[in-house]
C-alpha atoms as a PDB file:
ATOM      1  CA  UNK A   1       0.176  -0.069  -0.218  1.00  0.00           C
ATOM      2  CA  UNK A   2       1.310   3.686  -1.136  1.00  0.00           C
ATOM      3  CA  UNK A   3       0.567   6.959   0.710  1.00  0.00           C
ATOM      4  CA  UNK A   4       1.338   9.681  -0.982  1.00  0.00           C
ATOM      5  CA  UNK A   5      -0.057  13.219  -0.947  1.00  0.00           C
ATOM      6  CA  UNK A   6      -0.330  16.082  -3.223  1.00  0.00           C
ATOM      7  CA  UNK A   7       0.980  19.518  -3.041  1.00  0.00           C
ATOM      8  CA  UNK A   8      -1.488  22.153  -4.316  1.00  0.00           C
ATOM      9  CA  UNK A   9      -0.093  24.828  -6.285  1.00  0.00           C
ATOM     10  CA  UNK A  10      -0.947  28.253  -5.117  1.00  0.00           C
ATOM     11  CA  UNK A  11      -0.190  31.178  -7.194  1.00  0.00           C
ATOM     12  CA  UNK A  12      -2.728  33.568  -6.232  1.00  0.00           C
ATOM     13  CA  UNK A  13      -1.676  36.093  -3.683  1.00  0.00           C
ATOM     14  CA  UNK A  14      -4.000  36.688  -1.454  1.00  0.00           C
ATOM     15  CA  UNK A  15      -5.694  39.813  -0.648  1.00  0.00           C
ATOM     16  CA  UNK A  16      -4.950  41.785   2.794  1.00  0.00           C
ATOM     17  CA  UNK A  17      -4.380  44.898   4.675  1.00  0.00           C
ATOM     18  CA  UNK A  18      -2.505  45.411   7.666  1.00  0.00           C
ATOM     19  CA  UNK A  19      -1.160  48.257  10.161  1.00  0.00           C
ATOM     20  CA  UNK A  20      -0.972  49.364  13.639  1.00  0.00           C
ATOM     21  CA  UNK A  21      -3.425  52.076  15.260  1.00  0.00           C
ATOM     22  CA  UNK A  22      -1.564  53.788  18.011  1.00  0.00           C
ATOM     23  CA  UNK A  23       0.735  50.967  18.136  1.00  0.00           C
ATOM     24  CA  UNK A  24      -1.696  48.570  18.231  1.00  0.00           C
ATOM     25  CA  UNK A  25      -2.294  45.358  15.795  1.00  0.00           C
ATOM     26  CA  UNK A  26      -5.608  46.915  13.918  1.00  0.00           C
ATOM     27  CA  UNK A  27      -6.836  44.425  11.116  1.00  0.00           C
ATOM     28  CA  UNK A  28      -9.681  44.843   8.584  1.00  0.00           C
ATOM     29  CA  UNK A  29     -12.966  42.838   9.288  1.00  0.00           C
ATOM     30  CA  UNK A  30     -16.412  42.207   7.506  1.00  0.00           C
ATOM     31  CA  UNK A  31     -18.953  40.063   9.074  1.00  0.00           C
ATOM     32  CA  UNK A  32     -21.654  41.746   6.354  1.00  0.00           C
ATOM     33  CA  UNK A  33     -21.521  40.006   2.591  1.00  0.00           C
ATOM     34  CA  UNK A  34     -22.080  43.654   0.617  1.00  0.00           C
ATOM     35  CA  UNK A  35     -19.196  44.902   2.469  1.00  0.00           C
ATOM     36  CA  UNK A  36     -15.527  44.003   1.597  1.00  0.00           C
ATOM     37  CA  UNK A  37     -13.042  44.094   4.129  1.00  0.00           C
ATOM     38  CA  UNK A  38     -10.515  46.057   1.879  1.00  0.00           C
ATOM     39  CA  UNK A  39     -10.712  47.539  -1.528  1.00  0.00           C
ATOM     40  CA  UNK A  40      -8.881  49.732  -4.029  1.00  0.00           C
ATOM     41  CA  UNK A  41     -10.075  51.772  -6.927  1.00  0.00           C
ATOM     42  CA  UNK A  42      -7.716  52.882  -9.498  1.00  0.00           C
ATOM     43  CA  UNK A  43      -9.968  55.790 -11.491  1.00  0.00           C
ATOM     44  CA  UNK A  44      -9.915  58.944 -13.686  1.00  0.00           C
ATOM     45  CA  UNK A  45      -7.749  57.767 -16.426  1.00  0.00           C
ATOM     46  CA  UNK A  46      -5.178  55.962 -13.391  1.00  0.00           C
ATOM     47  CA  UNK A  47      -4.526  59.141 -11.819  1.00  0.00           C
ATOM     48  CA  UNK A  48      -6.338  58.718  -9.075  1.00  0.00           C
ATOM     49  CA  UNK A  49      -6.331  55.829  -6.463  1.00  0.00           C
ATOM     50  CA  UNK A  50      -8.231  55.338  -3.225  1.00  0.00           C
ATOM     51  CA  UNK A  51      -7.433  52.292  -0.858  1.00  0.00           C
ATOM     52  CA  UNK A  52      -9.762  51.788   2.616  1.00  0.00           C
ATOM     53  CA  UNK A  53     -10.522  48.759   4.897  1.00  0.00           C
ATOM     54  CA  UNK A  54     -13.047  48.204   7.482  1.00  0.00           C
ATOM     55  CA  UNK A  55     -13.740  46.665  10.690  1.00  0.00           C
ATOM     56  CA  UNK A  56     -17.420  46.189  10.879  1.00  0.00           C
ATOM     57  CA  UNK A  57     -17.172  45.251  14.546  1.00  0.00           C
ATOM     58  CA  UNK A  58     -15.235  48.047  15.884  1.00  0.00           C
ATOM     59  CA  UNK A  59     -16.978  50.265  12.861  1.00  0.00           C
ATOM     60  CA  UNK A  60     -13.656  51.584  11.896  1.00  0.00           C
ATOM     61  CA  UNK A  61     -12.218  52.682   8.740  1.00  0.00           C
ATOM     62  CA  UNK A  62      -8.530  53.760   7.627  1.00  0.00           C
ATOM     63  CA  UNK A  63      -7.672  54.452   3.978  1.00  0.00           C
ATOM     64  CA  UNK A  64      -5.530  56.754   1.632  1.00  0.00           C
ATOM     65  CA  UNK A  65      -5.825  58.698  -1.463  1.00  0.00           C
ATOM     66  CA  UNK A  66      -4.116  60.064  -4.469  1.00  0.00           C
ATOM     67  CA  UNK A  67      -4.849  62.188  -6.752  1.00  0.00           C
ATOM     68  CA  UNK A  68      -2.517  63.099  -9.377  1.00  0.00           C
ATOM     69  CA  UNK A  69      -3.852  66.052 -12.202  1.00  0.00           C
ATOM     70  CA  UNK A  70      -1.120  65.016 -14.723  1.00  0.00           C
ATOM     71  CA  UNK A  71       0.839  62.115 -14.283  1.00  0.00           C
ATOM     72  CA  UNK A  72      -0.113  58.487 -14.211  1.00  0.00           C
ATOM     73  CA  UNK A  73      -0.156  56.237 -10.567  1.00  0.00           C
ATOM     74  CA  UNK A  74       2.848  54.553 -10.671  1.00  0.00           C
ATOM     75  CA  UNK A  75       4.926  52.629  -7.795  1.00  0.00           C
ATOM     76  CA  UNK A  76       6.969  55.157  -6.211  1.00  0.00           C
ATOM     77  CA  UNK A  77       6.827  57.565  -2.622  1.00  0.00           C
ATOM     78  CA  UNK A  78       3.494  59.666  -2.417  1.00  0.00           C
ATOM     79  CA  UNK A  79       3.304  62.063   0.548  1.00  0.00           C
ATOM     80  CA  UNK A  80       0.305  61.952   2.477  1.00  0.00           C
ATOM     81  CA  UNK A  81      -0.150  65.809   3.527  1.00  0.00           C
ATOM     82  CA  UNK A  82      -3.746  67.031   2.146  1.00  0.00           C
ATOM     83  CA  UNK A  83      -1.581  69.623   0.643  1.00  0.00           C
ATOM     84  CA  UNK A  84      -1.648  67.861  -2.783  1.00  0.00           C
ATOM     85  CA  UNK A  85      -4.806  66.159  -2.697  1.00  0.00           C
ATOM     86  CA  UNK A  86      -2.880  63.321  -1.535  1.00  0.00           C
ATOM     87  CA  UNK A  87      -4.509  62.302   2.220  1.00  0.00           C
ATOM     88  CA  UNK A  88      -4.705  59.776   4.737  1.00  0.00           C
ATOM     89  CA  UNK A  89      -7.753  59.363   7.128  1.00  0.00           C
ATOM     90  CA  UNK A  90      -8.898  57.227   9.938  1.00  0.00           C
ATOM     91  CA  UNK A  91     -12.500  57.413  11.187  1.00  0.00           C
ATOM     92  CA  UNK A  92     -14.392  55.968  13.984  1.00  0.00           C
ATOM     93  CA  UNK A  93     -18.592  55.753  14.154  1.00  0.00           C
ATOM     94  CA  UNK A  94     -18.505  57.687  17.238  1.00  0.00           C
ATOM     95  CA  UNK A  95     -19.933  60.803  15.777  1.00  0.00           C
ATOM     96  CA  UNK A  96     -17.061  63.124  16.613  1.00  0.00           C
ATOM     97  CA  UNK A  97     -15.747  63.456  13.109  1.00  0.00           C
ATOM     98  CA  UNK A  98     -12.348  61.803  10.651  1.00  0.00           C
ATOM     99  CA  UNK A  99      -8.904  61.897  11.693  1.00  0.00           C
ATOM    100  CA  UNK A 100      -7.159  63.033   8.447  1.00  0.00           C
ATOM    101  CA  UNK A 101      -3.908  64.074   7.481  1.00  0.00           C
ATOM    102  CA  UNK A 102      -2.830  67.720   7.287  1.00  0.00           C
ATOM    103  CA  UNK A 103       0.221  70.475   8.055  1.00  0.00           C
ATOM    104  CA  UNK A 104       1.905  68.963  11.140  1.00  0.00           C
ATOM    105  CA  UNK A 105       0.202  65.225  10.920  1.00  0.00           C
ATOM    106  CA  UNK A 106       1.479  63.719   7.361  1.00  0.00           C
ATOM    107  CA  UNK A 107       2.777  60.823   6.232  1.00  0.00           C
ATOM    108  CA  UNK A 108       3.935  58.948   2.779  1.00  0.00           C
ATOM    109  CA  UNK A 109       2.490  56.213   0.747  1.00  0.00           C
ATOM    110  CA  UNK A 110       4.722  53.858  -0.583  1.00  0.00           C
ATOM    111  CA  UNK A 111       3.588  52.069  -3.961  1.00  0.00           C
ATOM    112  CA  UNK A 112       6.051  48.763  -4.446  1.00  0.00           C
ATOM    113  CA  UNK A 113       4.056  47.189  -7.572  1.00  0.00           C
ATOM    114  CA  UNK A 114       0.883  48.165  -9.461  1.00  0.00           C
ATOM    115  CA  UNK A 115       0.436  45.186 -12.204  1.00  0.00           C
ATOM    116  CA  UNK A 116      -2.071  46.697 -14.627  1.00  0.00           C
ATOM    117  CA  UNK A 117      -2.331  42.966 -16.443  1.00  0.00           C
ATOM    118  CA  UNK A 118      -3.339  41.059 -13.115  1.00  0.00           C
ATOM    119  CA  UNK A 119      -5.249  44.327 -11.630  1.00  0.00           C
ATOM    120  CA  UNK A 120      -3.269  44.100  -8.245  1.00  0.00           C
ATOM    121  CA  UNK A 121      -1.352  46.986  -6.635  1.00  0.00           C
ATOM    122  CA  UNK A 122       0.897  46.564  -3.120  1.00  0.00           C
ATOM    123  CA  UNK A 123       2.657  48.817  -1.061  1.00  0.00           C
ATOM    124  CA  UNK A 124       3.047  50.045   2.215  1.00  0.00           C
ATOM    125  CA  UNK A 125       2.187  53.407   4.097  1.00  0.00           C
ATOM    126  CA  UNK A 126       2.060  55.388   7.508  1.00  0.00           C
ATOM    127  CA  UNK A 127       0.993  58.249   8.816  1.00  0.00           C
ATOM    128  CA  UNK A 128      -0.064  60.945  11.702  1.00  0.00           C
ATOM    129  CA  UNK A 129      -4.015  62.295  11.408  1.00  0.00           C
ATOM    130  CA  UNK A 130      -5.741  64.966  13.348  1.00  0.00           C
ATOM    131  CA  UNK A 131      -9.755  64.906  14.441  1.00  0.00           C
ATOM    132  CA  UNK A 132     -10.204  68.508  14.426  1.00  0.00           C
ATOM    133  CA  UNK A 133     -13.359  68.259  16.468  1.00  0.00           C
ATOM    134  CA  UNK A 134     -11.758  66.897  19.409  1.00  0.00           C
ATOM    135  CA  UNK A 135      -8.164  67.913  18.508  1.00  0.00           C
ATOM    136  CA  UNK A 136      -6.805  64.171  19.367  1.00  0.00           C
ATOM    137  CA  UNK A 137      -4.276  62.458  17.339  1.00  0.00           C
ATOM    138  CA  UNK A 138      -4.132  58.949  15.795  1.00  0.00           C
ATOM    139  CA  UNK A 139      -1.052  57.148  14.145  1.00  0.00           C
ATOM    140  CA  UNK A 140      -1.056  54.482  11.366  1.00  0.00           C
ATOM    141  CA  UNK A 141       2.188  52.653  11.296  1.00  0.00           C
ATOM    142  CA  UNK A 142       3.694  49.505   9.292  1.00  0.00           C
ATOM    143  CA  UNK A 143       0.663  49.760   6.617  1.00  0.00           C
ATOM    144  CA  UNK A 144       1.420  46.913   4.076  1.00  0.00           C
ATOM    145  CA  UNK A 145      -1.603  46.111   1.360  1.00  0.00           C
ATOM    146  CA  UNK A 146      -2.007  43.699  -1.043  1.00  0.00           C
ATOM    147  CA  UNK A 147      -5.465  43.971  -3.079  1.00  0.00           C
ATOM    148  CA  UNK A 148      -6.659  43.739  -6.780  1.00  0.00           C
ATOM    149  CA  UNK A 149      -7.869  46.893  -7.791  1.00  0.00           C
ATOM    150  CA  UNK A 150     -10.804  47.993  -9.632  1.00  0.00           C
ATOM    151  CA  UNK A 151     -10.920  50.081 -12.567  1.00  0.00           C
ATOM    152  CA  UNK A 152     -13.335  52.830 -12.618  1.00  0.00           C
END
């Protein structure tokens, strides 16, 4: 009697998004079949990208967007500072407003790869953001993503 096993080839890259929020590991989660945990959208002739992740249990969302008026989005580093329509944000559904990047509360998005044939984007991010209502700040660090994106 011969016992054998097969190892299944796994060439598919799993979608993921992770970071730390104020030093604590934060992961997306969705218990709603209509909502994805994380999503990425490349729009406006590839001049704009928006990535966000949500946790429906904690009712939080972390995201960032880049808009370039003339050039297409390509791998590289982008400042998250609101001065150039490049921003990061954190939202907790507590009716106290969003935390957003602004002067003195900035960060960086690094797009490592943008595979247009597979429609996948990978990168890293970090930023500080301020809630202008409460004047509390939050810090997003060690952010990473590897997501399929949608063209609009």
